[in-house]
Amino acid sequence: TPDPLAAARDIRETFKRMAMNDEETVALIAGGHTFGKTHGAGDPKLVGPEPAAAPLEQMGLGWKSSFRSGKGKDAIGGGPEVIWTTTPTKWNTNFFENLFGYEWELTKSPAGAYQFKAKGDRKIVPDPYDPTEYHVPTMLVTDLALRYDPIYGKISRRYYEHPEEFARAFARAWFKLTHRDMGPRSRYLGPEVPKEELIWQDPVPAADHTLVEAREIADLKAQVLACGLTPSQLVYTAWSSASTFRGSDNGGEPTEPASALLPRRTGRSTGGPRSGRP
């Protein structure tokens, strides 16, 4: 049975691995679910293979579905069929209004997936395809986690009662979510970029000292070799550090001590001299 508190634990762990704190997490989920809907109109088994595994003639065309028209009201993107707000194309706090304004009961989508609907069966959510049809407000178990988790609940209440704070929090968290893989500020393009130096971009302060020269480097090497670590331990440490580097965003070593920081320090090495592990 879906459990909002158990869902909250999974949410917190998942977003922590993306370097998001609790306030950013609530802002992203609630802000993202202010818009749109999920797609669970039919049996997920009717959806074809993922694009990468589709036949050659279907490459680049997305997920093919044999459920009715396969698109629009018949789209299947997963199990749940949820529309969170009465205005899914506008920014507002209606997500929180519904989240706190109703009591929720477990139900299933047309695809057979667990989800929640507002008690009372009050149909106030307009159908996106039929202007004469309305639906009962619905939520995912992960949405209810934003109400029933003690920490998320307080943050959600605050955002609900202070819409401007919610809007600012979402804007900053969304920018972070969509730019964390960009790398340092030097990779910005064009004039429309933030002037603020954001901590999650791992800024490197300008050097305020004289850089080491060949003599100092040789002295440092001698100290490392005399520290008592075995060659295999030194190699493993160097490999573990280097393996955090990603060419896609210039993140990780050698530009930053990422192997010592969350979330990368909790990850596994991408390979290397396993036999040298101390």
C-alpha atoms as a PDB file:
ATOM      1  CA  THR A   1       0.000   0.000   0.000  1.00  0.00           C
ATOM      2  CA  PRO A   2       1.426   3.431  -0.895  1.00  0.00           C
ATOM      3  CA  ASP A   3       2.748   5.206   2.204  1.00  0.00           C
ATOM      4  CA  PRO A   4       3.407   8.987   2.076  1.00  0.00           C
ATOM      5  CA  LEU A   5       5.978   8.779   4.880  1.00  0.00           C
ATOM      6  CA  ALA A   6       7.876   5.981   3.159  1.00  0.00           C
ATOM      7  CA  ALA A   7       7.674   7.968  -0.067  1.00  0.00           C
ATOM      8  CA  ALA A   8       9.165  10.960   1.759  1.00  0.00           C
ATOM      9  CA  ARG A   9      12.220   8.906   2.705  1.00  0.00           C
ATOM     10  CA  ASP A  10      12.766   7.921  -0.913  1.00  0.00           C
ATOM     11  CA  ILE A  11      12.219  11.495  -2.099  1.00  0.00           C
ATOM     12  CA  ARG A  12      14.717  12.868   0.398  1.00  0.00           C
ATOM     13  CA  GLU A  13      17.384  10.350  -0.593  1.00  0.00           C
ATOM     14  CA  THR A  14      16.797  10.862  -4.320  1.00  0.00           C
ATOM     15  CA  PHE A  15      16.940  14.645  -4.191  1.00  0.00           C
ATOM     16  CA  LYS A  16      19.890  14.595  -1.801  1.00  0.00           C
ATOM     17  CA  ARG A  17      21.850  12.778  -4.473  1.00  0.00           C
ATOM     18  CA  MET A  18      21.103  15.740  -6.742  1.00  0.00           C
ATOM     19  CA  ALA A  19      22.433  18.083  -4.034  1.00  0.00           C
ATOM     20  CA  MET A  20      18.944  19.422  -3.227  1.00  0.00           C
ATOM     21  CA  ASN A  21      17.915  20.291   0.316  1.00  0.00           C
ATOM     22  CA  ASP A  22      14.382  19.896   1.717  1.00  0.00           C
ATOM     23  CA  GLU A  23      13.219  23.393   0.744  1.00  0.00           C
ATOM     24  CA  GLU A  24      14.482  22.982  -2.809  1.00  0.00           C
ATOM     25  CA  THR A  25      12.848  19.555  -2.994  1.00  0.00           C
ATOM     26  CA  VAL A  26       9.416  20.836  -1.960  1.00  0.00           C
ATOM     27  CA  ALA A  27       9.707  23.787  -4.332  1.00  0.00           C
ATOM     28  CA  LEU A  28      10.608  21.540  -7.266  1.00  0.00           C
ATOM     29  CA  ILE A  29       7.873  18.961  -6.697  1.00  0.00           C
ATOM     30  CA  ALA A  30       5.105  21.430  -5.860  1.00  0.00           C
ATOM     31  CA  GLY A  31       6.199  23.871  -8.549  1.00  0.00           C
ATOM     32  CA  GLY A  32       6.530  21.188 -11.172  1.00  0.00           C
ATOM     33  CA  HIS A  33       3.149  19.708 -10.288  1.00  0.00           C
ATOM     34  CA  THR A  34       1.508  23.119 -10.557  1.00  0.00           C
ATOM     35  CA  PHE A  35       1.570  22.413 -14.285  1.00  0.00           C
ATOM     36  CA  GLY A  36       0.423  19.576 -16.504  1.00  0.00           C
ATOM     37  CA  LYS A  37      -0.634  16.030 -15.710  1.00  0.00           C
ATOM     38  CA  THR A  38       0.563  12.457 -15.711  1.00  0.00           C
ATOM     39  CA  HIS A  39      -0.456  10.038 -18.448  1.00  0.00           C
ATOM     40  CA  GLY A  40      -1.941   6.714 -17.413  1.00  0.00           C
ATOM     41  CA  ALA A  41      -4.906   6.323 -19.729  1.00  0.00           C
ATOM     42  CA  GLY A  42      -4.433   2.613 -20.302  1.00  0.00           C
ATOM     43  CA  ASP A  43      -2.424  -0.523 -19.686  1.00  0.00           C
ATOM     44  CA  PRO A  44       1.339   0.283 -19.740  1.00  0.00           C
ATOM     45  CA  LYS A  45       1.885  -3.066 -21.468  1.00  0.00           C
ATOM     46  CA  LEU A  46       0.444  -1.463 -24.612  1.00  0.00           C
ATOM     47  CA  VAL A  47       3.423   0.881 -24.814  1.00  0.00           C
ATOM     48  CA  GLY A  48       6.145  -0.272 -27.173  1.00  0.00           C
ATOM     49  CA  PRO A  49       9.878  -0.492 -26.493  1.00  0.00           C
ATOM     50  CA  GLU A  50      11.866   2.539 -25.437  1.00  0.00           C
ATOM     51  CA  PRO A  51      13.101   4.676 -28.354  1.00  0.00           C
ATOM     52  CA  ALA A  52      16.627   3.246 -28.193  1.00  0.00           C
ATOM     53  CA  ALA A  53      15.270  -0.297 -28.559  1.00  0.00           C
ATOM     54  CA  ALA A  54      12.593   0.471 -31.164  1.00  0.00           C
ATOM     55  CA  PRO A  55      12.830  -0.774 -34.761  1.00  0.00           C
ATOM     56  CA  LEU A  56      14.932   1.348 -37.094  1.00  0.00           C
ATOM     57  CA  GLU A  57      11.915   2.874 -38.842  1.00  0.00           C
ATOM     58  CA  GLN A  58      10.639   4.215 -35.480  1.00  0.00           C
ATOM     59  CA  MET A  59      13.899   5.774 -34.330  1.00  0.00           C
ATOM     60  CA  GLY A  60      13.457   9.344 -33.152  1.00  0.00           C
ATOM     61  CA  LEU A  61       9.672   9.081 -32.937  1.00  0.00           C
ATOM     62  CA  GLY A  62       9.427   8.504 -29.190  1.00  0.00           C
ATOM     63  CA  TRP A  63       7.384   5.838 -27.453  1.00  0.00           C
ATOM     64  CA  LYS A  64       4.842   4.113 -29.673  1.00  0.00           C
ATOM     65  CA  SER A  65       1.577   3.034 -28.047  1.00  0.00           C
ATOM     66  CA  SER A  66      -1.114   0.730 -29.380  1.00  0.00           C
ATOM     67  CA  PHE A  67      -3.719   2.033 -26.915  1.00  0.00           C
ATOM     68  CA  ARG A  68      -6.438   3.703 -29.011  1.00  0.00           C
ATOM     69  CA  SER A  69      -4.963   6.767 -30.719  1.00  0.00           C
ATOM     70  CA  GLY A  70      -1.763   6.500 -28.676  1.00  0.00           C
ATOM     71  CA  LYS A  71      -1.625  10.241 -28.023  1.00  0.00           C
ATOM     72  CA  GLY A  72      -3.461  13.072 -26.306  1.00  0.00           C
ATOM     73  CA  LYS A  73      -6.126  11.714 -23.978  1.00  0.00           C
ATOM     74  CA  ASP A  74      -4.950   8.188 -24.810  1.00  0.00           C
ATOM     75  CA  ALA A  75      -1.299   8.810 -23.921  1.00  0.00           C
ATOM     76  CA  ILE A  76       0.462   6.420 -21.563  1.00  0.00           C
ATOM     77  CA  GLY A  77       3.626   7.695 -19.926  1.00  0.00           C
ATOM     78  CA  GLY A  78       3.369   5.585 -16.805  1.00  0.00           C
ATOM     79  CA  GLY A  79       0.757   4.181 -14.461  1.00  0.00           C
ATOM     80  CA  PRO A  80      -0.967   7.100 -12.697  1.00  0.00           C
ATOM     81  CA  GLU A  81      -3.518   9.402 -14.355  1.00  0.00           C
ATOM     82  CA  VAL A  82      -3.284  12.571 -12.266  1.00  0.00           C
ATOM     83  CA  ILE A  83      -4.161  16.234 -12.813  1.00  0.00           C
ATOM     84  CA  TRP A  84      -3.034  18.187  -9.755  1.00  0.00           C
ATOM     85  CA  THR A  85      -4.702  21.568 -10.215  1.00  0.00           C
ATOM     86  CA  THR A  86      -7.721  23.270 -11.759  1.00  0.00           C
ATOM     87  CA  THR A  87      -5.397  25.515 -13.797  1.00  0.00           C
ATOM     88  CA  PRO A  88      -2.616  23.237 -15.081  1.00  0.00           C
ATOM     89  CA  THR A  89      -1.259  25.855 -17.488  1.00  0.00           C
ATOM     90  CA  LYS A  90      -0.893  28.695 -14.940  1.00  0.00           C
ATOM     91  CA  TRP A  91       1.492  29.415 -12.080  1.00  0.00           C
ATOM     92  CA  ASN A  92      -0.277  29.690  -8.716  1.00  0.00           C
ATOM     93  CA  THR A  93      -0.627  27.904  -5.368  1.00  0.00           C
ATOM     94  CA  ASN A  94      -3.543  25.694  -6.378  1.00  0.00           C
ATOM     95  CA  PHE A  95      -1.393  22.606  -5.847  1.00  0.00           C
ATOM     96  CA  PHE A  96      -1.106  23.490  -2.159  1.00  0.00           C
ATOM     97  CA  GLU A  97      -4.768  24.530  -1.993  1.00  0.00           C
ATOM     98  CA  ASN A  98      -5.802  21.067  -3.103  1.00  0.00           C
ATOM     99  CA  LEU A  99      -3.118  19.262  -1.103  1.00  0.00           C
ATOM    100  CA  PHE A 100      -4.233  20.830   2.189  1.00  0.00           C
ATOM    101  CA  GLY A 101      -7.860  21.479   1.292  1.00  0.00           C
ATOM    102  CA  TYR A 102      -8.958  17.866   0.879  1.00  0.00           C
ATOM    103  CA  GLU A 103      -8.665  14.563   2.623  1.00  0.00           C
ATOM    104  CA  TRP A 104      -7.435  11.835   0.334  1.00  0.00           C
ATOM    105  CA  GLU A 105      -8.379   8.234  -0.319  1.00  0.00           C
ATOM    106  CA  LEU A 106      -6.540   5.533  -2.208  1.00  0.00           C
ATOM    107  CA  THR A 107      -7.761   4.618  -5.666  1.00  0.00           C
ATOM    108  CA  LYS A 108      -6.395   3.290  -8.941  1.00  0.00           C
ATOM    109  CA  SER A 109      -5.865   4.838 -12.346  1.00  0.00           C
ATOM    110  CA  PRO A 110      -7.270   3.379 -15.580  1.00  0.00           C
ATOM    111  CA  ALA A 111      -3.859   1.744 -15.934  1.00  0.00           C
ATOM    112  CA  GLY A 112      -4.247   0.044 -12.555  1.00  0.00           C
ATOM    113  CA  ALA A 113      -1.662   2.165 -10.729  1.00  0.00           C
ATOM    114  CA  TYR A 114      -2.186   3.387  -7.178  1.00  0.00           C
ATOM    115  CA  GLN A 115      -2.961   7.076  -6.740  1.00  0.00           C
ATOM    116  CA  PHE A 116      -5.117   9.227  -4.475  1.00  0.00           C
ATOM    117  CA  LYS A 117      -8.345  11.132  -5.093  1.00  0.00           C
ATOM    118  CA  ALA A 118     -10.036  13.816  -3.026  1.00  0.00           C
ATOM    119  CA  LYS A 119     -12.788  12.538  -0.761  1.00  0.00           C
ATOM    120  CA  GLY A 120     -16.248  13.756  -1.623  1.00  0.00           C
ATOM    121  CA  ASP A 121     -15.949  13.213  -5.370  1.00  0.00           C
ATOM    122  CA  ARG A 122     -16.243  16.935  -6.088  1.00  0.00           C
ATOM    123  CA  LYS A 123     -15.449  17.271  -9.791  1.00  0.00           C
ATOM    124  CA  ILE A 124     -13.681  20.621 -10.238  1.00  0.00           C
ATOM    125  CA  VAL A 125     -10.676  19.783 -12.417  1.00  0.00           C
ATOM    126  CA  PRO A 126     -11.358  20.455 -16.116  1.00  0.00           C
ATOM    127  CA  ASP A 127     -10.562  17.750 -18.628  1.00  0.00           C
ATOM    128  CA  PRO A 128      -7.722  18.866 -20.927  1.00  0.00           C
ATOM    129  CA  TYR A 129      -9.485  17.554 -24.026  1.00  0.00           C
ATOM    130  CA  ASP A 130     -13.242  17.747 -23.373  1.00  0.00           C
ATOM    131  CA  PRO A 131     -14.424  21.174 -22.100  1.00  0.00           C
ATOM    132  CA  THR A 132     -17.669  19.654 -20.835  1.00  0.00           C
ATOM    133  CA  GLU A 133     -15.987  17.091 -18.587  1.00  0.00           C
ATOM    134  CA  TYR A 134     -14.564  17.584 -15.077  1.00  0.00           C
ATOM    135  CA  HIS A 135     -12.628  15.342 -12.705  1.00  0.00           C
ATOM    136  CA  VAL A 136     -12.028  14.878  -8.995  1.00  0.00           C
ATOM    137  CA  PRO A 137      -8.657  16.303  -7.823  1.00  0.00           C
ATOM    138  CA  THR A 138      -5.969  13.619  -7.762  1.00  0.00           C
ATOM    139  CA  MET A 139      -2.513  13.286  -6.254  1.00  0.00           C
ATOM    140  CA  LEU A 140       0.457  10.925  -6.252  1.00  0.00           C
ATOM    141  CA  VAL A 141       1.704   9.344  -3.049  1.00  0.00           C
ATOM    142  CA  THR A 142       4.805  11.515  -3.428  1.00  0.00           C
ATOM    143  CA  ASP A 143       2.565  14.597  -3.404  1.00  0.00           C
ATOM    144  CA  LEU A 144       0.971  13.566  -0.122  1.00  0.00           C
ATOM    145  CA  ALA A 145       4.472  13.183   1.285  1.00  0.00           C
ATOM    146  CA  LEU A 146       4.760  16.974   1.057  1.00  0.00           C
ATOM    147  CA  ARG A 147       1.873  17.246   3.513  1.00  0.00           C
ATOM    148  CA  TYR A 148       2.384  14.370   5.919  1.00  0.00           C
ATOM    149  CA  ASP A 149       6.161  14.314   6.327  1.00  0.00           C
ATOM    150  CA  PRO A 150       6.842  16.549   9.373  1.00  0.00           C
ATOM    151  CA  ILE A 151       9.625  18.525   7.689  1.00  0.00           C
ATOM    152  CA  TYR A 152       8.153  18.721   4.209  1.00  0.00           C
ATOM    153  CA  GLY A 153       4.772  19.586   5.718  1.00  0.00           C
ATOM    154  CA  LYS A 154       6.088  22.706   7.476  1.00  0.00           C
ATOM    155  CA  ILE A 155       7.846  23.881   4.344  1.00  0.00           C
ATOM    156  CA  SER A 156       4.750  23.269   2.215  1.00  0.00           C
ATOM    157  CA  ARG A 157       2.580  25.241   4.646  1.00  0.00           C
ATOM    158  CA  ARG A 158       5.025  28.130   4.557  1.00  0.00           C
ATOM    159  CA  TYR A 159       5.114  28.185   0.773  1.00  0.00           C
ATOM    160  CA  TYR A 160       1.310  27.973   0.669  1.00  0.00           C
ATOM    161  CA  GLU A 161       0.947  30.933   3.011  1.00  0.00           C
ATOM    162  CA  HIS A 162       3.728  32.947   1.329  1.00  0.00           C
ATOM    163  CA  PRO A 163       3.278  32.611  -2.464  1.00  0.00           C
ATOM    164  CA  GLU A 164       6.086  35.041  -3.296  1.00  0.00           C
ATOM    165  CA  GLU A 165       8.569  32.982  -1.290  1.00  0.00           C
ATOM    166  CA  PHE A 166       7.351  29.849  -3.078  1.00  0.00           C
ATOM    167  CA  ALA A 167       7.823  31.488  -6.480  1.00  0.00           C
ATOM    168  CA  ARG A 168      11.358  32.608  -5.621  1.00  0.00           C
ATOM    169  CA  ALA A 169      12.276  29.203  -4.197  1.00  0.00           C
ATOM    170  CA  PHE A 170      10.999  27.415  -7.293  1.00  0.00           C
ATOM    171  CA  ALA A 171      12.809  29.780  -9.658  1.00  0.00           C
ATOM    172  CA  ARG A 172      16.139  29.251  -7.899  1.00  0.00           C
ATOM    173  CA  ALA A 173      15.698  25.493  -7.487  1.00  0.00           C
ATOM    174  CA  TRP A 174      14.600  25.069 -11.106  1.00  0.00           C
ATOM    175  CA  PHE A 175      17.618  27.012 -12.354  1.00  0.00           C
ATOM    176  CA  LYS A 176      19.833  24.808 -10.209  1.00  0.00           C
ATOM    177  CA  LEU A 177      18.157  21.626 -11.448  1.00  0.00           C
ATOM    178  CA  THR A 178      18.556  22.574 -15.103  1.00  0.00           C
ATOM    179  CA  HIS A 179      22.083  23.997 -14.823  1.00  0.00           C
ATOM    180  CA  ARG A 180      23.929  21.728 -12.387  1.00  0.00           C
ATOM    181  CA  ASP A 181      25.342  19.761 -15.310  1.00  0.00           C
ATOM    182  CA  MET A 182      26.633  22.895 -17.031  1.00  0.00           C
ATOM    183  CA  GLY A 183      29.803  23.147 -15.024  1.00  0.00           C
ATOM    184  CA  PRO A 184      31.493  26.366 -13.892  1.00  0.00           C
ATOM    185  CA  ARG A 185      30.231  29.898 -14.567  1.00  0.00           C
ATOM    186  CA  SER A 186      32.757  30.234 -17.358  1.00  0.00           C
ATOM    187  CA  ARG A 187      30.476  28.057 -19.495  1.00  0.00           C
ATOM    188  CA  TYR A 188      27.589  30.540 -19.489  1.00  0.00           C
ATOM    189  CA  LEU A 189      26.597  31.768 -22.955  1.00  0.00           C
ATOM    190  CA  GLY A 190      25.140  35.185 -23.723  1.00  0.00           C
ATOM    191  CA  PRO A 191      24.307  38.165 -21.516  1.00  0.00           C
ATOM    192  CA  GLU A 192      21.161  36.815 -19.825  1.00  0.00           C
ATOM    193  CA  VAL A 193      22.885  34.989 -16.988  1.00  0.00           C
ATOM    194  CA  PRO A 194      22.838  35.479 -13.201  1.00  0.00           C
ATOM    195  CA  LYS A 195      25.390  37.862 -11.745  1.00  0.00           C
ATOM    196  CA  GLU A 196      25.318  35.930  -8.476  1.00  0.00           C
ATOM    197  CA  GLU A 197      28.040  33.353  -7.935  1.00  0.00           C
ATOM    198  CA  LEU A 198      26.117  30.229  -6.931  1.00  0.00           C
ATOM    199  CA  ILE A 199      27.722  27.854  -4.443  1.00  0.00           C
ATOM    200  CA  TRP A 200      26.495  24.730  -6.255  1.00  0.00           C
ATOM    201  CA  GLN A 201      28.598  25.740  -9.256  1.00  0.00           C
ATOM    202  CA  ASP A 202      31.640  24.962  -7.104  1.00  0.00           C
ATOM    203  CA  PRO A 203      33.316  28.342  -7.611  1.00  0.00           C
ATOM    204  CA  VAL A 204      37.090  28.328  -7.342  1.00  0.00           C
ATOM    205  CA  PRO A 205      38.422  31.509  -5.714  1.00  0.00           C
ATOM    206  CA  ALA A 206      41.140  33.435  -7.476  1.00  0.00           C
ATOM    207  CA  ALA A 207      44.626  32.582  -6.251  1.00  0.00           C
ATOM    208  CA  ASP A 208      45.888  35.045  -3.652  1.00  0.00           C
ATOM    209  CA  HIS A 209      49.319  33.483  -3.348  1.00  0.00           C
ATOM    210  CA  THR A 210      52.329  32.605  -5.452  1.00  0.00           C
ATOM    211  CA  LEU A 211      51.882  29.345  -7.333  1.00  0.00           C
ATOM    212  CA  VAL A 212      54.221  26.464  -6.593  1.00  0.00           C
ATOM    213  CA  GLU A 213      57.225  25.938  -8.814  1.00  0.00           C
ATOM    214  CA  ALA A 214      59.278  22.902  -9.776  1.00  0.00           C
ATOM    215  CA  ARG A 215      61.245  22.842  -6.517  1.00  0.00           C
ATOM    216  CA  GLU A 216      58.105  22.901  -4.345  1.00  0.00           C
ATOM    217  CA  ILE A 217      56.494  20.194  -6.493  1.00  0.00           C
ATOM    218  CA  ALA A 218      59.532  17.952  -6.068  1.00  0.00           C
ATOM    219  CA  ASP A 219      59.455  18.531  -2.303  1.00  0.00           C
ATOM    220  CA  LEU A 220      55.746  17.670  -2.169  1.00  0.00           C
ATOM    221  CA  LYS A 221      56.339  14.442  -4.098  1.00  0.00           C
ATOM    222  CA  ALA A 222      59.050  13.469  -1.641  1.00  0.00           C
ATOM    223  CA  GLN A 223      56.708  14.050   1.313  1.00  0.00           C
ATOM    224  CA  VAL A 224      53.980  11.921  -0.292  1.00  0.00           C
ATOM    225  CA  LEU A 225      56.382   9.061  -0.962  1.00  0.00           C
ATOM    226  CA  ALA A 226      57.618   9.214   2.630  1.00  0.00           C
ATOM    227  CA  CYS A 227      54.151   9.209   4.212  1.00  0.00           C
ATOM    228  CA  GLY A 228      54.031   5.437   4.658  1.00  0.00           C
ATOM    229  CA  LEU A 229      51.270   4.586   2.177  1.00  0.00           C
ATOM    230  CA  THR A 230      51.876   1.697  -0.199  1.00  0.00           C
ATOM    231  CA  PRO A 231      51.995   2.258  -3.973  1.00  0.00           C
ATOM    232  CA  SER A 232      48.669   0.417  -4.359  1.00  0.00           C
ATOM    233  CA  GLN A 233      47.030   2.717  -1.810  1.00  0.00           C
ATOM    234  CA  LEU A 234      48.341   5.805  -3.573  1.00  0.00           C
ATOM    235  CA  VAL A 235      47.171   4.510  -6.962  1.00  0.00           C
ATOM    236  CA  TYR A 236      43.727   3.654  -5.615  1.00  0.00           C
ATOM    237  CA  THR A 237      43.339   7.098  -4.043  1.00  0.00           C
ATOM    238  CA  ALA A 238      44.380   8.824  -7.262  1.00  0.00           C
ATOM    239  CA  TRP A 239      42.041   6.649  -9.324  1.00  0.00           C
ATOM    240  CA  SER A 240      39.091   7.224  -6.997  1.00  0.00           C
ATOM    241  CA  SER A 241      39.627  10.956  -7.285  1.00  0.00           C
ATOM    242  CA  ALA A 242      40.042  10.958 -11.058  1.00  0.00           C
ATOM    243  CA  SER A 243      36.998   8.730 -11.574  1.00  0.00           C
ATOM    244  CA  THR A 244      34.688  11.485 -10.292  1.00  0.00           C
ATOM    245  CA  PHE A 245      35.483  13.682 -13.294  1.00  0.00           C
ATOM    246  CA  ARG A 246      32.749  14.121 -15.900  1.00  0.00           C
ATOM    247  CA  GLY A 247      33.639  15.613 -19.256  1.00  0.00           C
ATOM    248  CA  SER A 248      30.004  16.605 -19.850  1.00  0.00           C
ATOM    249  CA  ASP A 249      30.088  19.319 -17.192  1.00  0.00           C
ATOM    250  CA  ASN A 250      33.762  19.570 -16.206  1.00  0.00           C
ATOM    251  CA  GLY A 251      32.704  18.512 -12.729  1.00  0.00           C
ATOM    252  CA  GLY A 252      34.670  16.517 -10.216  1.00  0.00           C
ATOM    253  CA  GLU A 253      38.400  16.031 -10.017  1.00  0.00           C
ATOM    254  CA  PRO A 254      40.823  17.450 -10.911  1.00  0.00           C
ATOM    255  CA  THR A 255      38.973  20.775 -10.795  1.00  0.00           C
ATOM    256  CA  GLU A 256      37.452  20.250  -7.361  1.00  0.00           C
ATOM    257  CA  PRO A 257      37.767  17.837  -4.394  1.00  0.00           C
ATOM    258  CA  ALA A 258      34.489  16.158  -5.334  1.00  0.00           C
ATOM    259  CA  SER A 259      35.398  12.741  -3.979  1.00  0.00           C
ATOM    260  CA  ALA A 260      35.298  14.196  -0.449  1.00  0.00           C
ATOM    261  CA  LEU A 261      31.910  15.906  -0.818  1.00  0.00           C
ATOM    262  CA  LEU A 262      28.265  14.904  -1.078  1.00  0.00           C
ATOM    263  CA  PRO A 263      26.707  13.568  -3.201  1.00  0.00           C
ATOM    264  CA  ARG A 264      29.704  12.028  -4.984  1.00  0.00           C
ATOM    265  CA  ARG A 265      31.411  10.656  -1.917  1.00  0.00           C
ATOM    266  CA  THR A 266      28.494   8.221  -1.455  1.00  0.00           C
ATOM    267  CA  GLY A 267      28.806   6.894  -5.004  1.00  0.00           C
ATOM    268  CA  ARG A 268      30.853   4.004  -6.260  1.00  0.00           C
ATOM    269  CA  SER A 269      34.004   4.240  -8.297  1.00  0.00           C
ATOM    270  CA  THR A 270      33.563   3.836 -12.038  1.00  0.00           C
ATOM    271  CA  GLY A 271      36.183   1.127 -12.075  1.00  0.00           C
ATOM    272  CA  GLY A 272      39.934   0.963 -11.945  1.00  0.00           C
ATOM    273  CA  PRO A 273      42.537  -0.977 -10.008  1.00  0.00           C
ATOM    274  CA  ARG A 274      40.211  -2.712  -7.568  1.00  0.00           C
ATOM    275  CA  SER A 275      43.000  -4.963  -6.335  1.00  0.00           C
ATOM    276  CA  GLY A 276      44.793  -1.906  -5.019  1.00  0.00           C
ATOM    277  CA  ARG A 277      42.007  -0.985  -2.634  1.00  0.00           C
ATOM    278  CA  PRO A 278      43.373  -0.759   0.931  1.00  0.00           C
END
